[in-house]
């Protein structure tokens, strides 16, 4: 099982197309959202393997943890 994390707005045609394509290829896709509207846009796709990931990308502690995990 593979998963990807995508940062972008689901209202952007490129992000939406890429996300749907990756899901069709068998990936579980997490879309980073920071608002309720963004989360709702992901849920509106009604796809089991496309999920919102609510992260405040401006929170330095989160960015540090992500960089540390990649390390």
N, C-alpha and C. Protein backbone atom coordinates (compact mmCIF):
# COMPACT_ATOMS: atom_id res chain seq x y z
N UNK A 1 0.85 -1.17 0.00
CA UNK A 1 0.00 0.00 0.00
C UNK A 1 0.90 1.24 0.00
N UNK A 2 0.62 2.15 -0.89
CA UNK A 2 1.39 3.39 -1.00
C UNK A 2 0.48 4.58 -0.75
N UNK A 3 1.06 5.62 -0.18
CA UNK A 3 0.28 6.83 0.01
C UNK A 3 1.13 8.03 -0.38
N UNK A 4 0.45 9.10 -0.73
CA UNK A 4 1.09 10.36 -1.09
C UNK A 4 0.41 11.49 -0.33
N UNK A 5 1.18 12.52 -0.07
CA UNK A 5 0.63 13.73 0.53
C UNK A 5 0.75 14.84 -0.51
N UNK A 6 -0.38 15.49 -0.79
CA UNK A 6 -0.44 16.54 -1.80
C UNK A 6 -0.79 17.85 -1.11
N UNK A 7 -0.06 18.90 -1.47
CA UNK A 7 -0.39 20.22 -0.95
C UNK A 7 -0.95 21.05 -2.10
N UNK A 8 -2.21 21.39 -2.00
CA UNK A 8 -2.84 22.18 -3.06
C UNK A 8 -4.33 22.29 -2.80
N UNK A 9 -4.96 23.13 -3.55
CA UNK A 9 -6.38 23.39 -3.42
C UNK A 9 -7.15 22.46 -4.35
N UNK A 10 -8.13 21.72 -3.84
CA UNK A 10 -8.90 20.81 -4.66
C UNK A 10 -9.74 21.54 -5.70
N UNK A 11 -9.88 22.85 -5.59
CA UNK A 11 -10.59 23.62 -6.60
C UNK A 11 -9.68 23.93 -7.80
N UNK A 12 -8.38 23.72 -7.64
CA UNK A 12 -7.41 23.92 -8.72
C UNK A 12 -7.51 22.71 -9.66
N UNK A 13 -7.79 22.92 -10.94
CA UNK A 13 -7.97 21.80 -11.86
C UNK A 13 -6.76 20.87 -11.94
N UNK A 14 -5.55 21.40 -11.85
CA UNK A 14 -4.35 20.57 -11.92
C UNK A 14 -4.25 19.67 -10.70
N UNK A 15 -4.47 20.24 -9.52
CA UNK A 15 -4.40 19.47 -8.28
C UNK A 15 -5.49 18.39 -8.26
N UNK A 16 -6.69 18.78 -8.65
CA UNK A 16 -7.81 17.83 -8.66
C UNK A 16 -7.54 16.69 -9.63
N UNK A 17 -7.08 17.01 -10.84
CA UNK A 17 -6.79 15.99 -11.84
C UNK A 17 -5.69 15.04 -11.38
N UNK A 18 -4.62 15.61 -10.82
CA UNK A 18 -3.50 14.81 -10.35
C UNK A 18 -3.94 13.89 -9.20
N UNK A 19 -4.70 14.43 -8.28
CA UNK A 19 -5.17 13.66 -7.13
C UNK A 19 -6.05 12.50 -7.57
N UNK A 20 -7.00 12.77 -8.47
CA UNK A 20 -7.88 11.71 -8.96
C UNK A 20 -7.10 10.66 -9.75
N UNK A 21 -6.11 11.08 -10.51
CA UNK A 21 -5.30 10.15 -11.29
C UNK A 21 -4.49 9.24 -10.36
N UNK A 22 -3.89 9.82 -9.34
CA UNK A 22 -3.10 9.02 -8.40
C UNK A 22 -3.99 8.02 -7.66
N UNK A 23 -5.19 8.45 -7.32
CA UNK A 23 -6.12 7.55 -6.62
C UNK A 23 -6.52 6.39 -7.54
N UNK A 24 -6.73 6.67 -8.81
CA UNK A 24 -7.08 5.62 -9.77
C UNK A 24 -5.94 4.62 -9.95
N UNK A 25 -4.71 5.09 -9.75
CA UNK A 25 -3.53 4.21 -9.89
C UNK A 25 -3.27 3.40 -8.63
N UNK A 26 -4.11 3.57 -7.62
CA UNK A 26 -4.01 2.74 -6.43
C UNK A 26 -3.39 3.40 -5.21
N UNK A 27 -3.05 4.67 -5.30
CA UNK A 27 -2.48 5.37 -4.16
C UNK A 27 -3.57 5.85 -3.21
N UNK A 28 -3.25 5.89 -1.95
CA UNK A 28 -4.07 6.61 -0.98
C UNK A 28 -3.49 8.02 -0.95
N UNK A 29 -4.33 9.00 -1.20
CA UNK A 29 -3.86 10.38 -1.35
C UNK A 29 -4.39 11.22 -0.20
N UNK A 30 -3.49 11.85 0.54
CA UNK A 30 -3.86 12.80 1.59
C UNK A 30 -3.61 14.20 1.04
N UNK A 31 -4.63 15.02 1.09
CA UNK A 31 -4.53 16.40 0.62
C UNK A 31 -4.44 17.30 1.84
N UNK A 32 -3.36 18.07 1.93
CA UNK A 32 -3.19 18.98 3.06
C UNK A 32 -4.20 20.11 2.95
N UNK A 33 -4.94 20.31 4.03
CA UNK A 33 -5.91 21.40 4.12
C UNK A 33 -5.67 22.16 5.41
N UNK A 34 -6.05 23.43 5.40
CA UNK A 34 -5.89 24.22 6.63
C UNK A 34 -7.18 24.95 7.00
N UNK A 35 -8.24 24.70 6.23
CA UNK A 35 -9.53 25.33 6.52
C UNK A 35 -10.64 24.29 6.44
N UNK A 36 -11.76 24.63 7.02
CA UNK A 36 -12.94 23.76 6.95
C UNK A 36 -13.41 23.64 5.50
N UNK A 37 -13.31 24.74 4.75
CA UNK A 37 -13.72 24.72 3.35
C UNK A 37 -12.85 23.77 2.53
N UNK A 38 -11.55 23.79 2.80
CA UNK A 38 -10.65 22.88 2.10
C UNK A 38 -10.95 21.43 2.43
N UNK A 39 -11.23 21.17 3.69
CA UNK A 39 -11.58 19.81 4.11
C UNK A 39 -12.86 19.35 3.42
N UNK A 40 -13.84 20.25 3.35
CA UNK A 40 -15.11 19.92 2.71
C UNK A 40 -14.92 19.65 1.21
N UNK A 41 -14.03 20.40 0.56
CA UNK A 41 -13.76 20.20 -0.86
C UNK A 41 -13.21 18.79 -1.11
N UNK A 42 -12.37 18.31 -0.21
CA UNK A 42 -11.82 16.95 -0.35
C UNK A 42 -12.94 15.93 -0.13
N UNK A 43 -13.75 16.13 0.91
CA UNK A 43 -14.86 15.21 1.18
C UNK A 43 -15.87 15.19 0.04
N UNK A 44 -16.06 16.32 -0.64
CA UNK A 44 -17.03 16.40 -1.73
C UNK A 44 -16.65 15.51 -2.91
N UNK A 45 -15.39 15.11 -3.01
CA UNK A 45 -14.99 14.19 -4.08
C UNK A 45 -15.57 12.80 -3.88
N UNK A 46 -15.97 12.49 -2.65
CA UNK A 46 -16.58 11.20 -2.31
C UNK A 46 -15.75 10.01 -2.79
N UNK A 47 -14.46 10.09 -2.56
CA UNK A 47 -13.55 9.00 -2.92
C UNK A 47 -12.97 8.42 -1.64
N UNK A 48 -13.01 7.10 -1.52
CA UNK A 48 -12.55 6.44 -0.30
C UNK A 48 -11.06 6.64 -0.04
N UNK A 49 -10.27 6.76 -1.10
CA UNK A 49 -8.81 6.84 -0.94
C UNK A 49 -8.25 8.24 -1.14
N UNK A 50 -9.11 9.26 -1.09
CA UNK A 50 -8.66 10.65 -1.08
C UNK A 50 -9.17 11.26 0.22
N UNK A 51 -8.23 11.63 1.07
CA UNK A 51 -8.58 12.06 2.43
C UNK A 51 -7.95 13.42 2.75
N UNK A 52 -8.64 14.24 3.54
CA UNK A 52 -8.04 15.49 3.97
C UNK A 52 -7.05 15.26 5.11
N UNK A 53 -6.00 16.04 5.13
CA UNK A 53 -5.01 16.00 6.20
C UNK A 53 -4.89 17.43 6.71
N UNK A 54 -5.51 17.69 7.84
CA UNK A 54 -5.57 19.05 8.37
C UNK A 54 -4.27 19.40 9.08
N UNK A 55 -3.46 20.23 8.43
CA UNK A 55 -2.17 20.66 8.97
C UNK A 55 -2.04 22.17 8.78
N UNK A 56 -1.61 22.83 9.83
CA UNK A 56 -1.30 24.25 9.73
C UNK A 56 0.14 24.35 9.23
N UNK A 57 0.31 24.61 7.93
CA UNK A 57 1.64 24.60 7.34
C UNK A 57 2.51 25.75 7.83
N UNK A 58 1.90 26.70 8.53
CA UNK A 58 2.68 27.82 9.07
C UNK A 58 3.19 27.53 10.48
N UNK A 59 2.78 26.40 11.05
CA UNK A 59 3.22 26.01 12.38
C UNK A 59 4.61 25.38 12.27
N UNK A 60 5.62 26.06 12.76
CA UNK A 60 7.01 25.61 12.63
C UNK A 60 7.22 24.25 13.27
N UNK A 61 6.52 23.95 14.33
CA UNK A 61 6.69 22.65 14.99
C UNK A 61 6.30 21.51 14.07
N UNK A 62 5.24 21.68 13.28
CA UNK A 62 4.80 20.65 12.34
C UNK A 62 5.84 20.48 11.23
N UNK A 63 6.32 21.57 10.67
CA UNK A 63 7.31 21.51 9.60
C UNK A 63 8.56 20.81 10.10
N UNK A 64 8.99 21.11 11.32
CA UNK A 64 10.17 20.46 11.89
C UNK A 64 9.95 18.95 12.01
N UNK A 65 8.78 18.53 12.49
CA UNK A 65 8.51 17.10 12.65
C UNK A 65 8.52 16.39 11.30
N UNK A 66 7.94 17.00 10.28
CA UNK A 66 7.92 16.39 8.96
C UNK A 66 9.33 16.25 8.41
N UNK A 67 10.15 17.29 8.56
CA UNK A 67 11.53 17.23 8.11
C UNK A 67 12.31 16.17 8.87
N UNK A 68 12.04 16.05 10.16
CA UNK A 68 12.73 15.07 10.97
C UNK A 68 12.35 13.66 10.53
N UNK A 69 11.09 13.42 10.22
CA UNK A 69 10.65 12.10 9.79
C UNK A 69 11.27 11.73 8.45
N UNK A 70 11.48 12.71 7.58
CA UNK A 70 12.09 12.44 6.27
C UNK A 70 13.56 12.12 6.42
N UNK A 71 14.20 12.71 7.45
CA UNK A 71 15.61 12.68 7.72
C UNK A 71 16.34 11.48 7.35
